Protein backbone atom coordinates (compact mmCIF):
# COMPACT_ATOMS: atom_id res chain seq x y z
CA MET A 1 -86.54 86.60 -17.33
CA GLU A 2 -84.67 88.68 -14.82
CA ALA A 3 -83.22 91.77 -16.39
CA ARG A 4 -81.97 95.11 -15.18
CA ALA A 5 -80.47 98.15 -16.79
CA GLU A 6 -77.46 98.17 -14.50
CA GLY A 7 -75.54 95.29 -13.04
CA VAL A 8 -74.42 94.64 -9.54
CA GLY A 9 -72.25 91.86 -8.26
CA ARG A 10 -73.55 88.66 -6.71
CA GLU A 11 -71.76 89.51 -3.46
CA GLY A 12 -72.01 92.57 -1.20
CA SER A 13 -69.32 94.97 -2.31
CA PRO A 14 -68.04 94.92 -5.90
CA LEU A 15 -64.41 94.21 -6.72
CA LEU A 16 -64.48 96.22 -9.93
CA ASP A 17 -66.51 99.35 -10.72
CA VAL A 18 -66.90 100.84 -14.17
CA VAL A 19 -68.30 104.32 -13.66
CA HIS A 20 -69.74 106.31 -16.63
CA LEU A 21 -66.84 105.28 -18.86
CA ARG A 22 -66.52 107.25 -22.07
CA LYS A 23 -64.03 107.13 -24.96
CA VAL A 24 -63.65 109.52 -27.91
CA TYR A 25 -61.10 108.78 -30.62
CA GLY A 26 -59.46 111.38 -32.84
CA GLN A 27 -60.48 114.40 -30.80
CA ARG A 28 -58.53 116.86 -32.93
CA ARG A 29 -59.84 115.69 -36.29
CA ARG A 30 -63.38 114.31 -36.75
CA PRO A 31 -63.80 112.92 -33.22
CA THR A 32 -65.54 109.54 -33.03
CA LEU A 33 -67.47 108.48 -29.92
CA ALA A 34 -66.66 104.81 -29.37
CA VAL A 35 -67.96 104.33 -25.81
CA GLU A 36 -70.71 106.61 -24.55
CA ASP A 37 -71.62 105.76 -20.93
CA LEU A 38 -70.60 102.36 -19.54
CA HIS A 39 -71.65 101.85 -15.95
CA PHE A 40 -71.55 98.51 -14.14
CA SER A 41 -69.92 96.55 -11.31
CA VAL A 42 -68.32 93.14 -11.04
CA ALA A 43 -68.19 91.09 -7.82
CA ALA A 44 -65.25 89.07 -6.57
CA ASP A 45 -65.08 85.66 -8.18
CA GLU A 46 -67.96 86.45 -10.53
CA PHE A 47 -68.07 85.33 -14.17
CA LEU A 48 -69.48 88.19 -16.22
CA ALA A 49 -69.97 88.01 -19.97
CA VAL A 50 -70.38 90.99 -22.28
CA VAL A 51 -72.14 90.78 -25.64
CA GLY A 52 -73.22 93.36 -28.19
CA PRO A 53 -73.29 94.25 -31.86
CA SER A 54 -70.06 93.96 -33.83
CA GLY A 55 -67.92 97.09 -33.54
CA CYS A 56 -69.82 98.47 -30.56
CA GLY A 57 -66.64 99.09 -28.49
CA LYS A 58 -66.20 95.93 -26.44
CA THR A 59 -62.45 95.71 -27.00
CA THR A 60 -62.06 99.43 -26.30
CA MET A 61 -63.91 98.85 -23.04
CA LEU A 62 -61.56 95.99 -21.98
CA ARG A 63 -58.45 98.03 -22.78
CA MET A 64 -59.70 100.91 -20.63
CA ILE A 65 -60.55 98.52 -17.78
CA ALA A 66 -57.10 97.01 -18.06
CA GLY A 67 -55.44 100.39 -17.79
CA LEU A 68 -53.96 100.13 -21.31
CA LEU A 69 -56.11 102.92 -22.79
CA PRO A 70 -57.01 106.14 -20.93
CA PRO A 71 -60.74 106.97 -20.94
CA THR A 72 -61.99 110.36 -22.17
CA GLY A 73 -64.44 110.48 -19.30
CA GLY A 74 -65.50 108.42 -16.28
CA ALA A 75 -63.24 105.99 -14.42
CA VAL A 76 -62.51 102.39 -13.52
CA TYR A 77 -62.10 101.49 -9.84
CA LEU A 78 -60.48 98.38 -8.39
CA ARG A 79 -61.30 97.96 -4.71
CA GLY A 80 -62.25 101.64 -4.67
CA GLN A 81 -58.94 102.84 -6.16
CA PRO A 82 -58.86 104.36 -9.65
CA VAL A 83 -57.15 102.34 -12.41
CA THR A 84 -54.67 104.58 -14.23
CA GLU A 85 -52.22 101.91 -15.34
CA PRO A 86 -52.30 98.11 -15.74
CA PRO A 87 -53.00 96.70 -12.21
CA PRO A 88 -50.58 93.92 -11.17
CA GLU A 89 -53.47 91.60 -10.27
CA MET A 90 -55.16 91.88 -13.66
CA VAL A 91 -54.39 90.04 -16.93
CA LEU A 92 -55.87 90.52 -20.40
CA VAL A 93 -56.12 87.51 -22.72
CA PHE A 94 -56.39 88.47 -26.37
CA GLN A 95 -58.24 86.83 -29.19
CA ASP A 96 -55.20 86.80 -31.47
CA TYR A 97 -53.02 84.25 -29.69
CA GLY A 98 -50.63 84.19 -32.74
CA ARG A 99 -49.50 87.70 -32.00
CA SER A 100 -49.56 87.32 -28.20
CA LEU A 101 -47.18 84.34 -28.02
CA CYS A 102 -43.40 84.49 -28.51
CA GLN A 103 -42.89 82.18 -31.42
CA TRP A 104 -39.10 81.83 -30.69
CA ARG A 105 -39.72 80.61 -27.12
CA SER A 106 -40.71 77.11 -26.13
CA VAL A 107 -44.11 76.45 -24.55
CA ALA A 108 -42.59 76.47 -21.06
CA ARG A 109 -40.56 79.62 -21.74
CA ASN A 110 -43.70 81.36 -22.99
CA VAL A 111 -45.41 80.66 -19.70
CA HIS A 112 -42.26 81.68 -17.78
CA PHE A 113 -42.24 85.01 -19.63
CA ALA A 114 -45.16 86.24 -17.46
CA LEU A 115 -43.04 85.69 -14.34
CA GLU A 116 -39.65 87.07 -15.36
CA HIS A 117 -40.13 90.40 -13.60
CA SER A 118 -42.24 89.06 -10.71
CA GLY A 119 -39.42 88.95 -8.20
CA LEU A 120 -40.40 85.37 -7.32
CA PRO A 121 -37.65 82.80 -6.50
CA ALA A 122 -36.64 80.61 -9.43
CA ALA A 123 -38.10 77.53 -7.77
CA GLU A 124 -41.51 79.17 -7.37
CA ARG A 125 -41.48 80.35 -10.97
CA ALA A 126 -40.70 76.85 -12.14
CA ARG A 127 -43.48 75.42 -9.99
CA ARG A 128 -46.01 77.84 -11.38
CA VAL A 129 -44.99 77.06 -14.95
CA ASP A 130 -45.37 73.32 -14.32
CA GLU A 131 -48.74 73.78 -12.60
CA ALA A 132 -50.16 76.03 -15.31
CA LEU A 133 -49.12 73.70 -18.09
CA ALA A 134 -50.66 70.74 -16.22
CA ILE A 135 -53.95 72.58 -15.72
CA VAL A 136 -54.38 73.30 -19.47
CA GLY A 137 -53.09 69.88 -20.56
CA LEU A 138 -49.85 71.04 -22.20
CA ALA A 139 -47.30 69.49 -19.83
CA GLU A 140 -46.04 67.00 -22.41
CA PHE A 141 -45.58 69.82 -24.94
CA ARG A 142 -43.42 72.05 -22.74
CA ASP A 143 -40.42 71.85 -25.07
CA HIS A 144 -42.40 72.43 -28.25
CA TYR A 145 -42.75 75.88 -29.94
CA PRO A 146 -46.04 77.68 -30.49
CA TRP A 147 -45.85 77.20 -34.24
CA GLU A 148 -45.84 73.44 -33.67
CA LEU A 149 -49.19 73.54 -31.86
CA SER A 150 -52.78 73.62 -33.07
CA GLY A 151 -54.85 76.79 -32.69
CA GLY A 152 -56.63 75.38 -29.64
CA MET A 153 -53.33 74.41 -28.04
CA GLN A 154 -51.90 77.88 -28.66
CA GLN A 155 -54.92 79.44 -26.95
CA ARG A 156 -54.43 77.03 -24.02
CA LEU A 157 -50.84 78.25 -23.88
CA GLN A 158 -51.95 81.86 -23.67
CA ILE A 159 -54.36 80.94 -20.84
CA ALA A 160 -51.58 78.99 -19.09
CA ARG A 161 -49.39 82.09 -19.17
CA ALA A 162 -52.18 84.09 -17.55
CA LEU A 163 -52.77 81.43 -14.89
CA ALA A 164 -49.07 81.23 -13.95
CA TYR A 165 -49.23 84.94 -13.13
CA GLN A 166 -52.10 84.11 -10.75
CA PRO A 167 -54.24 87.20 -11.44
CA ARG A 168 -57.18 88.20 -9.31
CA ILE A 169 -59.07 89.37 -12.42
CA LEU A 170 -58.99 87.78 -15.82
CA LEU A 171 -60.14 89.88 -18.79
CA MET A 172 -60.80 87.81 -21.95
CA ASP A 173 -61.37 89.39 -25.35
CA GLU A 174 -63.14 86.75 -27.51
CA PRO A 175 -60.48 84.16 -26.63
CA PHE A 176 -62.19 81.30 -28.47
CA GLY A 177 -63.60 83.24 -31.41
CA SER A 178 -61.24 81.83 -34.06
CA LEU A 179 -61.52 78.19 -32.99
CA ASP A 180 -63.64 75.40 -34.41
CA ALA A 181 -66.83 74.42 -32.58
CA LEU A 182 -65.47 71.26 -30.89
CA THR A 183 -62.27 72.94 -29.68
CA ARG A 184 -64.26 75.89 -28.51
CA ALA A 185 -66.59 73.72 -26.44
CA GLU A 186 -63.66 71.88 -24.93
CA LEU A 187 -61.93 75.15 -23.90
CA GLU A 188 -65.17 76.57 -22.52
CA ASP A 189 -65.43 73.59 -20.19
CA GLN A 190 -61.74 73.81 -19.32
CA LEU A 191 -62.12 77.50 -18.45
CA LEU A 192 -65.10 76.74 -16.19
CA ASP A 193 -63.10 73.99 -14.49
CA ILE A 194 -60.20 76.35 -13.89
CA TRP A 195 -62.55 79.03 -12.53
CA THR A 196 -64.10 76.51 -10.17
CA ARG A 197 -60.78 75.20 -8.88
CA GLN A 198 -59.02 78.59 -8.77
CA PRO A 199 -61.80 81.18 -8.15
CA LYS A 200 -61.19 84.56 -9.76
CA THR A 201 -63.15 87.36 -11.35
CA ILE A 202 -63.61 86.87 -15.11
CA LEU A 203 -64.84 89.51 -17.53
CA PHE A 204 -65.43 87.69 -20.81
CA VAL A 205 -66.22 89.48 -24.08
CA THR A 206 -67.76 87.37 -26.83
CA HIS A 207 -69.87 87.62 -30.01
CA ASP A 208 -71.36 84.19 -29.28
CA ILE A 209 -74.57 84.53 -27.35
CA GLU A 210 -74.77 80.85 -26.49
CA GLU A 211 -71.23 80.92 -25.16
CA ALA A 212 -72.05 83.89 -22.94
CA VAL A 213 -75.15 82.13 -21.48
CA TYR A 214 -73.28 78.86 -21.00
CA LEU A 215 -70.31 80.40 -19.13
CA ALA A 216 -71.59 83.34 -17.17
CA ASP A 217 -73.34 84.32 -13.93
CA ARG A 218 -74.57 87.47 -15.66
CA VAL A 219 -74.58 88.78 -19.20
CA LEU A 220 -74.34 92.51 -20.03
CA ILE A 221 -75.82 93.54 -23.35
CA LEU A 222 -74.25 96.58 -24.97
CA SER A 223 -75.84 98.91 -27.42
CA ALA A 224 -74.57 99.60 -30.93
CA ARG A 225 -71.70 102.08 -31.01
CA PRO A 226 -71.29 104.22 -29.01
CA ALA A 227 -71.44 101.53 -26.34
CA ARG A 228 -73.60 101.69 -23.25
CA VAL A 229 -75.19 98.95 -21.18
CA VAL A 230 -78.82 98.48 -22.29
CA GLU A 231 -79.64 95.42 -20.25
CA GLU A 232 -78.33 92.97 -17.65
CA VAL A 233 -79.50 89.38 -17.65
CA ARG A 234 -78.76 87.21 -14.66
CA ILE A 235 -78.24 83.58 -15.69
CA ASP A 236 -80.08 81.26 -13.35
CA LEU A 237 -78.78 77.86 -14.59
CA PRO A 238 -77.36 75.15 -12.35
CA ARG A 239 -73.66 74.56 -12.04
CA PRO A 240 -71.58 72.68 -12.97
CA ARG A 241 -72.53 73.37 -16.56
CA ASP A 242 -72.60 70.63 -19.21
CA GLN A 243 -72.45 71.14 -23.01
CA ILE A 244 -75.42 68.80 -23.63
CA THR A 245 -77.57 69.12 -20.52
CA THR A 246 -77.18 72.89 -19.99
CA ARG A 247 -77.68 73.82 -23.65
CA SER A 248 -80.85 71.66 -23.74
CA HIS A 249 -82.29 73.37 -20.68
CA GLU A 250 -85.47 75.32 -21.26
CA ARG A 251 -84.09 78.39 -19.48
CA PHE A 252 -80.94 78.27 -21.60
CA VAL A 253 -83.04 78.59 -24.76
CA GLU A 254 -85.07 81.44 -23.19
CA TYR A 255 -81.94 83.38 -22.29
CA ARG A 256 -80.39 82.84 -25.68
CA ASN A 257 -83.50 84.01 -27.52
CA HIS A 258 -84.00 86.98 -25.26
CA ILE A 259 -80.44 88.25 -25.69
CA TYR A 260 -80.49 87.61 -29.45
CA THR A 261 -83.74 89.57 -29.79
CA ARG A 262 -82.28 92.45 -27.74
CA ILE A 263 -79.16 92.67 -29.87
CA ARG A 264 -81.23 92.55 -33.03
CA GLN A 265 -83.29 95.44 -31.70
CA GLU A 266 -80.12 97.43 -31.20
CA THR A 267 -78.74 96.73 -34.67
CA GLY A 268 -82.17 97.30 -36.21
CA ALA A 269 -82.47 100.68 -34.56
CA VAL A 270 -79.13 101.75 -35.99
CA ALA A 271 -80.12 100.54 -39.48
CA ARG A 272 -83.48 102.34 -39.34
CA ALA A 273 -81.76 105.54 -38.31
CA GLY A 274 -79.18 105.16 -41.07
CA ALA A 275 -76.52 105.75 -38.49
CA GLY A 276 -72.89 106.11 -39.56
CA PRO A 277 -70.00 106.59 -37.19
CA ALA A 278 -70.97 108.53 -34.08
CA VAL A 279 -69.28 111.89 -34.50
CA VAL A 280 -68.88 114.28 -31.67
CA GLY A 281 -69.61 117.87 -32.37
CA ARG A 282 -66.95 120.49 -31.78
CA GLY A 283 -69.37 122.79 -29.99
């Protein structure tokens, strides 16, 4: 089992650097430390999964990386430049697709929404919409509305909107967490197929350890809140991945069990300490 405390990308220079990231909420009244010291790198075209105990600060981390939430300390760097606002080449896909989609817009118009302020010619915007819908298998539903689609189809629509924008980096916050097992497996394979055909950097947050091992090149394990990276596990499984063959692989089971044990150690340590919310002293 290859494991390190701090991750580096699979290529020479990282595309994304998260440097000693820290976040404190409510600094005036009972400050709560949500993220303590996150420090890792992500390479170009790498698939990196992040797992950790519930409530450890994974979503907070993604929002800071996306430039939607200012950190209290530390910084995020994209190609060596600090991220202080949402970068144009980065897209965040949320878990709650119901709130992310415009229910009054058709499927095609939802995808087009991502391009309305892009400055692209109308013909190019239309081409990207058609291509994105075809990739996720929603072309024949282009005139439907989100409320007419199943949960899995709505999540496909949210992914199509992100693909039409053609981001360099895709941040995904438990995108399949609310789906049934069969739909989830189908979308996992579809995401891997998209990543193979259109290489990009993916930072994927999930509670599902098996999903993380199945999808990723590396898995970062976070501590209980306040979040910090406690271990990096490089996933040495052959690609392309297959739901039956890969999940039956001896190494797959080893990775799953190792990560599960590590997370249980984190949650157990918190329980033994009787830890409540991490409160920052006023000095």
